[in-house]
């Protein structure tokens, strides 16, 4: 017969682990005891939580941080400023659909503000939605006739639908309202490049590159205008400056013009007298994203100044 001490010792060996602290009412689940309903009740991974080790694909019931952030519901804000700020954050994150909802909500909260329409126009331009872009840009100009940014956006919408006269008029107005708006000057010059009006292009692009905030692609466009005018010394200098500011196209163009004396190539076919033929090149590199500027109200006749840190997110064409 076992002694009483032996019996008590044996009993202690088989005490369940969940009895040692924690909630004694129910044992902690293990991998093998997870109920089948756990998938439906397991919360999504918090955006700030990262997996301990990199994996080839996330588990079916989890999502990566960006996916969680994008899928998370966003309540409609109750103030204009909040709706506009949320819309900009969503647009920056690439969620154009919900960003549009926020900008539309911002306009409903304050129908006198032009900025929601400028932001909507930008999204429509990026998506190639010409009619919607033009509608939003025209509304912005109507609400803020003193805004250089509004007219610059209208010019981009006109350019999207190949209305070059409308684009030139809008860019010229933007530059008139704010002569320091380097994007308006560049866009005006870019439009003239598209039309092969190289002297007008060079004039506008000199204005752009002579001001604070000029970027590498603006110098590249100026070099392109000079090259087509056969002013190769000026073109090389412009391309060199563009390359220093980070334009790969400008660097390539500067290298291409090394040792070139003219772009007018003489040819003398047997059936024709000798004549000059202009060589053609690509006129511009792709443009980066827009820079944010403060938009004046409809009654504010003073145009907004560009942000100091314009190189961080420069304006496209």
C-alpha atoms as a PDB file:
ATOM      1  CA  UNK A   1       0.000   0.000   0.000  1.00  0.00           C
ATOM      2  CA  UNK A   2       1.280   3.403  -0.972  1.00  0.00           C
ATOM      3  CA  UNK A   3       1.959   5.844   1.757  1.00  0.00           C
ATOM      4  CA  UNK A   4      -0.113   9.037   2.061  1.00  0.00           C
ATOM      5  CA  UNK A   5       2.992  11.066   1.080  1.00  0.00           C
ATOM      6  CA  UNK A   6       3.381   9.109  -2.167  1.00  0.00           C
ATOM      7  CA  UNK A   7      -0.260   9.684  -3.093  1.00  0.00           C
ATOM      8  CA  UNK A   8      -0.029  13.447  -2.545  1.00  0.00           C
ATOM      9  CA  UNK A   9       3.192  13.668  -4.594  1.00  0.00           C
ATOM     10  CA  UNK A  10       1.587  11.842  -7.513  1.00  0.00           C
ATOM     11  CA  UNK A  11      -1.407  14.181  -7.441  1.00  0.00           C
ATOM     12  CA  UNK A  12       0.778  17.295  -7.676  1.00  0.00           C
ATOM     13  CA  UNK A  13       2.471  15.993 -10.818  1.00  0.00           C
ATOM     14  CA  UNK A  14      -0.819  16.053 -12.769  1.00  0.00           C
ATOM     15  CA  UNK A  15      -2.093  19.538 -11.818  1.00  0.00           C
ATOM     16  CA  UNK A  16      -3.028  21.324 -15.145  1.00  0.00           C
ATOM     17  CA  UNK A  17      -0.761  24.194 -16.306  1.00  0.00           C
ATOM     18  CA  UNK A  18      -3.603  26.774 -16.566  1.00  0.00           C
ATOM     19  CA  UNK A  19      -3.992  26.653 -12.812  1.00  0.00           C
ATOM     20  CA  UNK A  20      -0.678  28.457 -12.348  1.00  0.00           C
ATOM     21  CA  UNK A  21      -1.793  32.083 -12.613  1.00  0.00           C
ATOM     22  CA  UNK A  22      -3.906  33.938 -15.204  1.00  0.00           C
ATOM     23  CA  UNK A  23      -7.590  33.295 -15.735  1.00  0.00           C
ATOM     24  CA  UNK A  24      -8.384  30.151 -13.878  1.00  0.00           C
ATOM     25  CA  UNK A  25     -11.816  29.854 -15.383  1.00  0.00           C
ATOM     26  CA  UNK A  26     -10.582  28.590 -18.770  1.00  0.00           C
ATOM     27  CA  UNK A  27      -7.327  27.164 -20.098  1.00  0.00           C
ATOM     28  CA  UNK A  28      -5.244  29.189 -22.597  1.00  0.00           C
ATOM     29  CA  UNK A  29      -5.832  27.781 -26.115  1.00  0.00           C
ATOM     30  CA  UNK A  30      -2.990  25.993 -27.856  1.00  0.00           C
ATOM     31  CA  UNK A  31      -2.297  25.433 -31.541  1.00  0.00           C
ATOM     32  CA  UNK A  32      -4.009  22.052 -31.456  1.00  0.00           C
ATOM     33  CA  UNK A  33      -7.010  23.222 -29.422  1.00  0.00           C
ATOM     34  CA  UNK A  34      -7.937  26.322 -31.508  1.00  0.00           C
ATOM     35  CA  UNK A  35     -11.673  26.163 -32.297  1.00  0.00           C
ATOM     36  CA  UNK A  36     -12.797  26.294 -35.924  1.00  0.00           C
ATOM     37  CA  UNK A  37     -14.487  29.665 -35.325  1.00  0.00           C
ATOM     38  CA  UNK A  38     -11.158  31.367 -34.428  1.00  0.00           C
ATOM     39  CA  UNK A  39     -10.587  32.576 -38.015  1.00  0.00           C
ATOM     40  CA  UNK A  40     -13.764  34.647 -37.967  1.00  0.00           C
ATOM     41  CA  UNK A  41     -13.049  36.239 -34.610  1.00  0.00           C
ATOM     42  CA  UNK A  42      -9.310  36.845 -34.885  1.00  0.00           C
ATOM     43  CA  UNK A  43      -8.641  40.606 -35.269  1.00  0.00           C
ATOM     44  CA  UNK A  44      -6.499  41.887 -38.124  1.00  0.00           C
ATOM     45  CA  UNK A  45      -2.851  42.597 -37.513  1.00  0.00           C
ATOM     46  CA  UNK A  46      -2.280  46.108 -36.162  1.00  0.00           C
ATOM     47  CA  UNK A  47      -0.440  48.398 -38.630  1.00  0.00           C
ATOM     48  CA  UNK A  48       2.385  48.862 -36.116  1.00  0.00           C
ATOM     49  CA  UNK A  49       2.961  45.125 -35.684  1.00  0.00           C
ATOM     50  CA  UNK A  50       5.563  43.496 -37.918  1.00  0.00           C
ATOM     51  CA  UNK A  51       6.112  39.730 -38.306  1.00  0.00           C
ATOM     52  CA  UNK A  52       9.049  38.321 -36.419  1.00  0.00           C
ATOM     53  CA  UNK A  53      10.533  36.907 -39.608  1.00  0.00           C
ATOM     54  CA  UNK A  54      10.031  37.757 -43.296  1.00  0.00           C
ATOM     55  CA  UNK A  55       7.655  35.342 -44.985  1.00  0.00           C
ATOM     56  CA  UNK A  56       6.870  34.632 -48.615  1.00  0.00           C
ATOM     57  CA  UNK A  57       3.168  35.414 -48.194  1.00  0.00           C
ATOM     58  CA  UNK A  58       1.005  36.573 -45.273  1.00  0.00           C
ATOM     59  CA  UNK A  59      -1.284  34.049 -43.534  1.00  0.00           C
ATOM     60  CA  UNK A  60      -4.858  33.963 -44.892  1.00  0.00           C
ATOM     61  CA  UNK A  61      -6.287  35.620 -41.762  1.00  0.00           C
ATOM     62  CA  UNK A  62      -3.716  38.411 -41.583  1.00  0.00           C
ATOM     63  CA  UNK A  63      -2.724  41.377 -43.766  1.00  0.00           C
ATOM     64  CA  UNK A  64       0.337  43.525 -44.186  1.00  0.00           C
ATOM     65  CA  UNK A  65       0.386  46.949 -42.602  1.00  0.00           C
ATOM     66  CA  UNK A  66      -0.325  48.924 -45.832  1.00  0.00           C
ATOM     67  CA  UNK A  67      -3.214  46.595 -46.687  1.00  0.00           C
ATOM     68  CA  UNK A  68      -4.687  47.037 -43.223  1.00  0.00           C
ATOM     69  CA  UNK A  69      -4.313  50.806 -43.451  1.00  0.00           C
ATOM     70  CA  UNK A  70      -6.003  50.922 -46.827  1.00  0.00           C
ATOM     71  CA  UNK A  71      -8.818  48.570 -45.842  1.00  0.00           C
ATOM     72  CA  UNK A  72      -9.562  50.347 -42.571  1.00  0.00           C
ATOM     73  CA  UNK A  73     -12.842  52.272 -42.733  1.00  0.00           C
ATOM     74  CA  UNK A  74     -12.632  56.050 -42.712  1.00  0.00           C
ATOM     75  CA  UNK A  75     -15.488  57.972 -41.150  1.00  0.00           C
ATOM     76  CA  UNK A  76     -16.692  61.065 -42.996  1.00  0.00           C
ATOM     77  CA  UNK A  77     -15.223  64.054 -41.104  1.00  0.00           C
ATOM     78  CA  UNK A  78     -17.523  66.725 -39.780  1.00  0.00           C
ATOM     79  CA  UNK A  79     -15.313  69.756 -40.550  1.00  0.00           C
ATOM     80  CA  UNK A  80     -13.917  71.113 -43.820  1.00  0.00           C
ATOM     81  CA  UNK A  81     -10.307  71.149 -42.610  1.00  0.00           C
ATOM     82  CA  UNK A  82     -10.470  67.560 -41.404  1.00  0.00           C
ATOM     83  CA  UNK A  83     -12.041  66.287 -44.630  1.00  0.00           C
ATOM     84  CA  UNK A  84      -9.419  68.060 -46.727  1.00  0.00           C
ATOM     85  CA  UNK A  85      -6.545  66.743 -44.599  1.00  0.00           C
ATOM     86  CA  UNK A  86      -7.852  63.160 -44.696  1.00  0.00           C
ATOM     87  CA  UNK A  87      -8.314  63.419 -48.461  1.00  0.00           C
ATOM     88  CA  UNK A  88      -4.721  64.525 -48.942  1.00  0.00           C
ATOM     89  CA  UNK A  89      -3.440  61.668 -46.790  1.00  0.00           C
ATOM     90  CA  UNK A  90      -5.462  59.150 -48.795  1.00  0.00           C
ATOM     91  CA  UNK A  91      -4.274  60.652 -52.079  1.00  0.00           C
ATOM     92  CA  UNK A  92      -0.652  60.466 -50.914  1.00  0.00           C
ATOM     93  CA  UNK A  93      -1.207  56.809 -49.995  1.00  0.00           C
ATOM     94  CA  UNK A  94      -2.517  56.074 -53.493  1.00  0.00           C
ATOM     95  CA  UNK A  95      -6.129  55.549 -52.448  1.00  0.00           C
ATOM     96  CA  UNK A  96      -7.638  57.824 -55.102  1.00  0.00           C
ATOM     97  CA  UNK A  97     -11.196  56.555 -54.763  1.00  0.00           C
ATOM     98  CA  UNK A  98     -11.571  57.365 -51.079  1.00  0.00           C
ATOM     99  CA  UNK A  99      -9.544  60.546 -51.483  1.00  0.00           C
ATOM    100  CA  UNK A 100     -12.134  61.772 -53.973  1.00  0.00           C
ATOM    101  CA  UNK A 101     -14.872  61.018 -51.451  1.00  0.00           C
ATOM    102  CA  UNK A 102     -13.086  63.129 -48.852  1.00  0.00           C
ATOM    103  CA  UNK A 103     -12.578  66.068 -51.207  1.00  0.00           C
ATOM    104  CA  UNK A 104     -16.223  65.942 -52.225  1.00  0.00           C
ATOM    105  CA  UNK A 105     -17.168  65.884 -48.546  1.00  0.00           C
ATOM    106  CA  UNK A 106     -14.895  68.880 -47.926  1.00  0.00           C
ATOM    107  CA  UNK A 107     -16.673  70.842 -50.643  1.00  0.00           C
ATOM    108  CA  UNK A 108     -20.079  69.994 -49.186  1.00  0.00           C
ATOM    109  CA  UNK A 109     -18.860  71.284 -45.811  1.00  0.00           C
ATOM    110  CA  UNK A 110     -17.628  74.588 -47.277  1.00  0.00           C
ATOM    111  CA  UNK A 111     -18.857  75.439 -50.769  1.00  0.00           C
ATOM    112  CA  UNK A 112     -16.770  78.595 -51.007  1.00  0.00           C
ATOM    113  CA  UNK A 113     -13.405  76.818 -51.008  1.00  0.00           C
ATOM    114  CA  UNK A 114     -11.518  76.087 -54.237  1.00  0.00           C
ATOM    115  CA  UNK A 115      -8.913  73.682 -52.876  1.00  0.00           C
ATOM    116  CA  UNK A 116     -11.102  70.538 -52.890  1.00  0.00           C
ATOM    117  CA  UNK A 117     -11.735  71.103 -56.600  1.00  0.00           C
ATOM    118  CA  UNK A 118      -8.017  71.581 -57.271  1.00  0.00           C
ATOM    119  CA  UNK A 119      -7.275  68.318 -55.491  1.00  0.00           C
ATOM    120  CA  UNK A 120     -10.052  66.540 -57.380  1.00  0.00           C
ATOM    121  CA  UNK A 121      -8.736  67.898 -60.678  1.00  0.00           C
ATOM    122  CA  UNK A 122      -5.267  66.583 -59.856  1.00  0.00           C
ATOM    123  CA  UNK A 123      -6.619  63.097 -59.216  1.00  0.00           C
ATOM    124  CA  UNK A 124      -8.646  63.154 -62.430  1.00  0.00           C
ATOM    125  CA  UNK A 125      -5.604  64.368 -64.394  1.00  0.00           C
ATOM    126  CA  UNK A 126      -3.491  61.566 -62.962  1.00  0.00           C
ATOM    127  CA  UNK A 127      -6.175  59.070 -64.006  1.00  0.00           C
ATOM    128  CA  UNK A 128      -6.545  60.560 -67.480  1.00  0.00           C
ATOM    129  CA  UNK A 129     -10.167  61.531 -66.830  1.00  0.00           C
ATOM    130  CA  UNK A 130     -10.285  64.579 -69.078  1.00  0.00           C
ATOM    131  CA  UNK A 131     -13.908  65.684 -68.680  1.00  0.00           C
ATOM    132  CA  UNK A 132     -13.907  65.391 -64.884  1.00  0.00           C
ATOM    133  CA  UNK A 133     -10.500  67.084 -64.626  1.00  0.00           C
ATOM    134  CA  UNK A 134     -11.670  70.044 -66.684  1.00  0.00           C
ATOM    135  CA  UNK A 135     -14.921  70.355 -64.736  1.00  0.00           C
ATOM    136  CA  UNK A 136     -13.129  70.397 -61.381  1.00  0.00           C
ATOM    137  CA  UNK A 137     -10.417  72.805 -62.556  1.00  0.00           C
ATOM    138  CA  UNK A 138     -12.950  75.245 -63.985  1.00  0.00           C
ATOM    139  CA  UNK A 139     -14.859  75.183 -60.704  1.00  0.00           C
ATOM    140  CA  UNK A 140     -11.630  75.962 -58.824  1.00  0.00           C
ATOM    141  CA  UNK A 141     -10.925  78.961 -61.055  1.00  0.00           C
ATOM    142  CA  UNK A 142     -14.501  80.164 -60.607  1.00  0.00           C
ATOM    143  CA  UNK A 143     -14.172  80.035 -56.820  1.00  0.00           C
ATOM    144  CA  UNK A 144     -10.611  81.422 -56.675  1.00  0.00           C
ATOM    145  CA  UNK A 145     -10.020  83.727 -59.672  1.00  0.00           C
ATOM    146  CA  UNK A 146      -6.911  85.084 -57.949  1.00  0.00           C
ATOM    147  CA  UNK A 147      -5.242  81.707 -57.482  1.00  0.00           C
ATOM    148  CA  UNK A 148      -2.165  80.981 -59.562  1.00  0.00           C
ATOM    149  CA  UNK A 149      -2.400  77.340 -58.529  1.00  0.00           C
ATOM    150  CA  UNK A 150      -5.995  77.060 -59.754  1.00  0.00           C
ATOM    151  CA  UNK A 151      -5.082  78.398 -63.193  1.00  0.00           C
ATOM    152  CA  UNK A 152      -2.003  76.165 -63.354  1.00  0.00           C
ATOM    153  CA  UNK A 153      -4.264  73.171 -62.677  1.00  0.00           C
ATOM    154  CA  UNK A 154      -6.713  74.355 -65.318  1.00  0.00           C
ATOM    155  CA  UNK A 155      -3.843  74.545 -67.797  1.00  0.00           C
ATOM    156  CA  UNK A 156      -2.889  70.959 -67.051  1.00  0.00           C
ATOM    157  CA  UNK A 157      -6.500  69.861 -67.570  1.00  0.00           C
ATOM    158  CA  UNK A 158      -6.603  71.682 -70.910  1.00  0.00           C
ATOM    159  CA  UNK A 159      -3.298  70.105 -71.884  1.00  0.00           C
ATOM    160  CA  UNK A 160      -4.685  66.667 -71.068  1.00  0.00           C
ATOM    161  CA  UNK A 161      -7.372  67.115 -73.710  1.00  0.00           C
ATOM    162  CA  UNK A 162      -4.888  68.663 -76.188  1.00  0.00           C
ATOM    163  CA  UNK A 163      -6.429  72.121 -76.086  1.00  0.00           C
ATOM    164  CA  UNK A 164      -3.079  73.879 -76.423  1.00  0.00           C
ATOM    165  CA  UNK A 165      -4.530  77.365 -76.818  1.00  0.00           C
ATOM    166  CA  UNK A 166      -6.550  76.898 -73.623  1.00  0.00           C
ATOM    167  CA  UNK A 167      -3.507  75.514 -71.821  1.00  0.00           C
ATOM    168  CA  UNK A 168      -1.294  78.433 -72.881  1.00  0.00           C
ATOM    169  CA  UNK A 169      -3.907  80.955 -71.774  1.00  0.00           C
ATOM    170  CA  UNK A 170      -4.270  79.290 -68.370  1.00  0.00           C
ATOM    171  CA  UNK A 171      -0.518  78.963 -67.771  1.00  0.00           C
ATOM    172  CA  UNK A 172       0.059  82.569 -68.774  1.00  0.00           C
ATOM    173  CA  UNK A 173      -2.628  83.657 -66.314  1.00  0.00           C
ATOM    174  CA  UNK A 174      -1.049  81.535 -63.571  1.00  0.00           C
ATOM    175  CA  UNK A 175       2.337  83.148 -64.201  1.00  0.00           C
ATOM    176  CA  UNK A 176       0.768  86.608 -64.270  1.00  0.00           C
ATOM    177  CA  UNK A 177      -0.941  86.049 -60.917  1.00  0.00           C
ATOM    178  CA  UNK A 178       2.245  84.737 -59.341  1.00  0.00           C
ATOM    179  CA  UNK A 179       5.451  85.426 -61.296  1.00  0.00           C
ATOM    180  CA  UNK A 180       7.365  83.222 -58.836  1.00  0.00           C
ATOM    181  CA  UNK A 181       5.320  80.155 -59.776  1.00  0.00           C
ATOM    182  CA  UNK A 182       8.085  78.229 -61.540  1.00  0.00           C
ATOM    183  CA  UNK A 183       5.661  75.431 -62.439  1.00  0.00           C
ATOM    184  CA  UNK A 184       3.417  77.749 -64.429  1.00  0.00           C
ATOM    185  CA  UNK A 185       6.437  79.037 -66.383  1.00  0.00           C
ATOM    186  CA  UNK A 186       7.722  75.513 -66.986  1.00  0.00           C
ATOM    187  CA  UNK A 187       4.307  74.269 -68.075  1.00  0.00           C
ATOM    188  CA  UNK A 188       3.980  77.178 -70.470  1.00  0.00           C
ATOM    189  CA  UNK A 189       7.389  76.393 -71.941  1.00  0.00           C
ATOM    190  CA  UNK A 190       6.564  72.699 -72.115  1.00  0.00           C
ATOM    191  CA  UNK A 191       3.384  73.445 -74.082  1.00  0.00           C
ATOM    192  CA  UNK A 192       5.357  75.548 -76.549  1.00  0.00           C
ATOM    193  CA  UNK A 193       7.792  72.646 -76.919  1.00  0.00           C
ATOM    194  CA  UNK A 194       4.888  70.385 -77.838  1.00  0.00           C
ATOM    195  CA  UNK A 195       3.890  72.924 -80.490  1.00  0.00           C
ATOM    196  CA  UNK A 196       7.529  73.213 -81.685  1.00  0.00           C
ATOM    197  CA  UNK A 197       7.491  76.937 -80.948  1.00  0.00           C
ATOM    198  CA  UNK A 198      11.025  76.801 -79.605  1.00  0.00           C
ATOM    199  CA  UNK A 199      11.723  80.516 -79.196  1.00  0.00           C
ATOM    200  CA  UNK A 200       8.583  80.971 -77.096  1.00  0.00           C
ATOM    201  CA  UNK A 201       9.488  77.815 -75.181  1.00  0.00           C
ATOM    202  CA  UNK A 202      12.980  79.063 -74.398  1.00  0.00           C
ATOM    203  CA  UNK A 203      11.643  82.417 -73.225  1.00  0.00           C
ATOM    204  CA  UNK A 204       9.195  80.805 -70.782  1.00  0.00           C
ATOM    205  CA  UNK A 205      11.735  78.249 -69.556  1.00  0.00           C
ATOM    206  CA  UNK A 206      14.329  80.956 -68.880  1.00  0.00           C
ATOM    207  CA  UNK A 207      11.723  82.497 -66.583  1.00  0.00           C
ATOM    208  CA  UNK A 208      11.246  79.129 -64.849  1.00  0.00           C
ATOM    209  CA  UNK A 209      14.912  78.317 -64.367  1.00  0.00           C
ATOM    210  CA  UNK A 210      15.831  81.804 -63.151  1.00  0.00           C
ATOM    211  CA  UNK A 211      13.566  81.487 -60.111  1.00  0.00           C
ATOM    212  CA  UNK A 212      13.801  79.772 -56.751  1.00  0.00           C
ATOM    213  CA  UNK A 213      12.594  76.188 -56.868  1.00  0.00           C
ATOM    214  CA  UNK A 214      13.617  75.390 -60.449  1.00  0.00           C
ATOM    215  CA  UNK A 215      14.142  71.653 -60.856  1.00  0.00           C
ATOM    216  CA  UNK A 216      16.322  69.474 -63.032  1.00  0.00           C
ATOM    217  CA  UNK A 217      13.604  68.670 -65.538  1.00  0.00           C
ATOM    218  CA  UNK A 218      12.954  72.399 -66.079  1.00  0.00           C
ATOM    219  CA  UNK A 219      16.594  72.851 -67.048  1.00  0.00           C
ATOM    220  CA  UNK A 220      16.275  69.786 -69.275  1.00  0.00           C
ATOM    221  CA  UNK A 221      13.313  71.379 -71.054  1.00  0.00           C
ATOM    222  CA  UNK A 222      15.264  74.615 -71.497  1.00  0.00           C
ATOM    223  CA  UNK A 223      18.192  72.694 -72.953  1.00  0.00           C
ATOM    224  CA  UNK A 224      15.800  70.973 -75.362  1.00  0.00           C
ATOM    225  CA  UNK A 225      14.465  74.328 -76.562  1.00  0.00           C
ATOM    226  CA  UNK A 226      18.001  75.653 -77.070  1.00  0.00           C
ATOM    227  CA  UNK A 227      19.018  72.489 -78.895  1.00  0.00           C
ATOM    228  CA  UNK A 228      16.184  72.860 -81.384  1.00  0.00           C
ATOM    229  CA  UNK A 229      17.237  76.479 -81.913  1.00  0.00           C
ATOM    230  CA  UNK A 230      20.742  75.161 -82.633  1.00  0.00           C
ATOM    231  CA  UNK A 231      22.126  77.166 -79.693  1.00  0.00           C
ATOM    232  CA  UNK A 232      24.223  74.240 -78.550  1.00  0.00           C
ATOM    233  CA  UNK A 233      26.500  76.049 -76.106  1.00  0.00           C
ATOM    234  CA  UNK A 234      23.446  77.262 -74.198  1.00  0.00           C
ATOM    235  CA  UNK A 235      21.875  73.820 -74.499  1.00  0.00           C
ATOM    236  CA  UNK A 236      24.931  72.105 -73.024  1.00  0.00           C
ATOM    237  CA  UNK A 237      24.976  74.506 -70.080  1.00  0.00           C
ATOM    238  CA  UNK A 238      21.264  73.921 -69.424  1.00  0.00           C
ATOM    239  CA  UNK A 239      21.613  70.150 -69.651  1.00  0.00           C
ATOM    240  CA  UNK A 240      24.624  70.246 -67.354  1.00  0.00           C
ATOM    241  CA  UNK A 241      22.674  72.235 -64.759  1.00  0.00           C
ATOM    242  CA  UNK A 242      19.725  69.864 -65.071  1.00  0.00           C
ATOM    243  CA  UNK A 243      22.003  66.906 -64.507  1.00  0.00           C
ATOM    244  CA  UNK A 244      23.404  68.517 -61.368  1.00  0.00           C
ATOM    245  CA  UNK A 245      19.833  68.776 -60.068  1.00  0.00           C
ATOM    246  CA  UNK A 246      19.114  65.113 -60.715  1.00  0.00           C
ATOM    247  CA  UNK A 247      17.664  64.925 -64.224  1.00  0.00           C
ATOM    248  CA  UNK A 248      18.846  61.736 -65.934  1.00  0.00           C
ATOM    249  CA  UNK A 249      17.470  62.936 -69.266  1.00  0.00           C
ATOM    250  CA  UNK A 250      19.548  66.101 -68.982  1.00  0.00           C
ATOM    251  CA  UNK A 251      22.669  64.060 -68.280  1.00  0.00           C
ATOM    252  CA  UNK A 252      21.996  61.881 -71.322  1.00  0.00           C
ATOM    253  CA  UNK A 253      21.414  64.918 -73.528  1.00  0.00           C
ATOM    254  CA  UNK A 254      24.604  66.583 -72.304  1.00  0.00           C
ATOM    255  CA  UNK A 255      26.564  63.470 -73.178  1.00  0.00           C
ATOM    256  CA  UNK A 256      24.881  63.247 -76.578  1.00  0.00           C
ATOM    257  CA  UNK A 257      25.908  66.805 -77.452  1.00  0.00           C
ATOM    258  CA  UNK A 258      29.556  66.262 -76.532  1.00  0.00           C
ATOM    259  CA  UNK A 259      31.569  67.529 -79.480  1.00  0.00           C
ATOM    260  CA  UNK A 260      28.474  68.299 -81.603  1.00  0.00           C
ATOM    261  CA  UNK A 261      28.742  71.617 -83.434  1.00  0.00           C
ATOM    262  CA  UNK A 262      25.267  71.803 -84.954  1.00  0.00           C
ATOM    263  CA  UNK A 263      22.060  69.779 -85.184  1.00  0.00           C
ATOM    264  CA  UNK A 264      21.532  70.966 -88.766  1.00  0.00           C
ATOM    265  CA  UNK A 265      22.658  68.061 -90.918  1.00  0.00           C
ATOM    266  CA  UNK A 266      23.440  68.797 -94.561  1.00  0.00           C
ATOM    267  CA  UNK A 267      22.332  66.244 -97.083  1.00  0.00           C
ATOM    268  CA  UNK A 268      22.452  66.284-100.878  1.00  0.00           C
ATOM    269  CA  UNK A 269      20.239  63.619-102.462  1.00  0.00           C
ATOM    270  CA  UNK A 270      20.875  63.132-106.162  1.00  0.00           C
ATOM    271  CA  UNK A 271      17.442  64.480-107.088  1.00  0.00           C
ATOM    272  CA  UNK A 272      17.520  67.479-104.772  1.00  0.00           C
ATOM    273  CA  UNK A 273      19.850  70.377-104.006  1.00  0.00           C
ATOM    274  CA  UNK A 274      21.606  70.372-100.642  1.00  0.00           C
ATOM    275  CA  UNK A 275      19.374  71.593 -97.824  1.00  0.00           C
ATOM    276  CA  UNK A 276      19.335  71.690 -94.026  1.00  0.00           C
ATOM    277  CA  UNK A 277      17.265  69.103 -92.200  1.00  0.00           C
ATOM    278  CA  UNK A 278      16.546  69.495 -88.510  1.00  0.00           C
ATOM    279  CA  UNK A 279      17.114  66.414 -86.397  1.00  0.00           C
ATOM    280  CA  UNK A 280      14.311  65.585 -83.983  1.00  0.00           C
ATOM    281  CA  UNK A 281      14.606  64.467 -80.356  1.00  0.00           C
ATOM    282  CA  UNK A 282      12.373  63.639 -77.454  1.00  0.00           C
ATOM    283  CA  UNK A 283      11.336  66.927 -75.916  1.00  0.00           C
ATOM    284  CA  UNK A 284      10.875  66.151 -72.271  1.00  0.00           C
ATOM    285  CA  UNK A 285      11.255  63.615 -69.529  1.00  0.00           C
ATOM    286  CA  UNK A 286       8.262  62.453 -67.454  1.00  0.00           C
ATOM    287  CA  UNK A 287       7.274  64.941 -64.813  1.00  0.00           C
ATOM    288  CA  UNK A 288       7.143  64.192 -61.069  1.00  0.00           C
ATOM    289  CA  UNK A 289       4.154  64.742 -58.805  1.00  0.00           C
ATOM    290  CA  UNK A 290       2.540  67.981 -57.835  1.00  0.00           C
ATOM    291  CA  UNK A 291       3.729  70.185 -55.037  1.00  0.00           C
ATOM    292  CA  UNK A 292       1.147  71.350 -52.526  1.00  0.00           C
ATOM    293  CA  UNK A 293       0.570  75.087 -52.305  1.00  0.00           C
ATOM    294  CA  UNK A 294      -1.806  77.066 -50.193  1.00  0.00           C
ATOM    295  CA  UNK A 295      -4.881  78.049 -52.175  1.00  0.00           C
ATOM    296  CA  UNK A 296      -6.269  81.540 -51.595  1.00  0.00           C
ATOM    297  CA  UNK A 297      -9.972  81.976 -51.102  1.00  0.00           C
ATOM    298  CA  UNK A 298     -12.304  83.357 -53.741  1.00  0.00           C
ATOM    299  CA  UNK A 299     -12.043  86.871 -52.273  1.00  0.00           C
ATOM    300  CA  UNK A 300      -8.291  86.767 -51.766  1.00  0.00           C
ATOM    301  CA  UNK A 301      -6.601  88.660 -54.579  1.00  0.00           C
ATOM    302  CA  UNK A 302      -3.089  87.817 -53.384  1.00  0.00           C
ATOM    303  CA  UNK A 303      -1.777  84.628 -55.029  1.00  0.00           C
ATOM    304  CA  UNK A 304      -0.162  81.989 -52.857  1.00  0.00           C
ATOM    305  CA  UNK A 305       3.597  81.682 -52.803  1.00  0.00           C
ATOM    306  CA  UNK A 306       5.109  78.284 -53.658  1.00  0.00           C
ATOM    307  CA  UNK A 307       6.345  76.109 -50.824  1.00  0.00           C
ATOM    308  CA  UNK A 308      10.004  76.595 -49.919  1.00  0.00           C
ATOM    309  CA  UNK A 309      10.700  72.878 -50.209  1.00  0.00           C
ATOM    310  CA  UNK A 310       9.421  72.545 -53.769  1.00  0.00           C
ATOM    311  CA  UNK A 311      12.066  70.018 -54.802  1.00  0.00           C
ATOM    312  CA  UNK A 312      10.539  67.448 -52.421  1.00  0.00           C
ATOM    313  CA  UNK A 313       7.490  66.970 -54.611  1.00  0.00           C
ATOM    314  CA  UNK A 314       7.717  69.052 -57.785  1.00  0.00           C
ATOM    315  CA  UNK A 315       4.874  69.795 -60.157  1.00  0.00           C
ATOM    316  CA  UNK A 316       4.432  67.721 -63.270  1.00  0.00           C
ATOM    317  CA  UNK A 317       4.282  69.433 -66.614  1.00  0.00           C
END
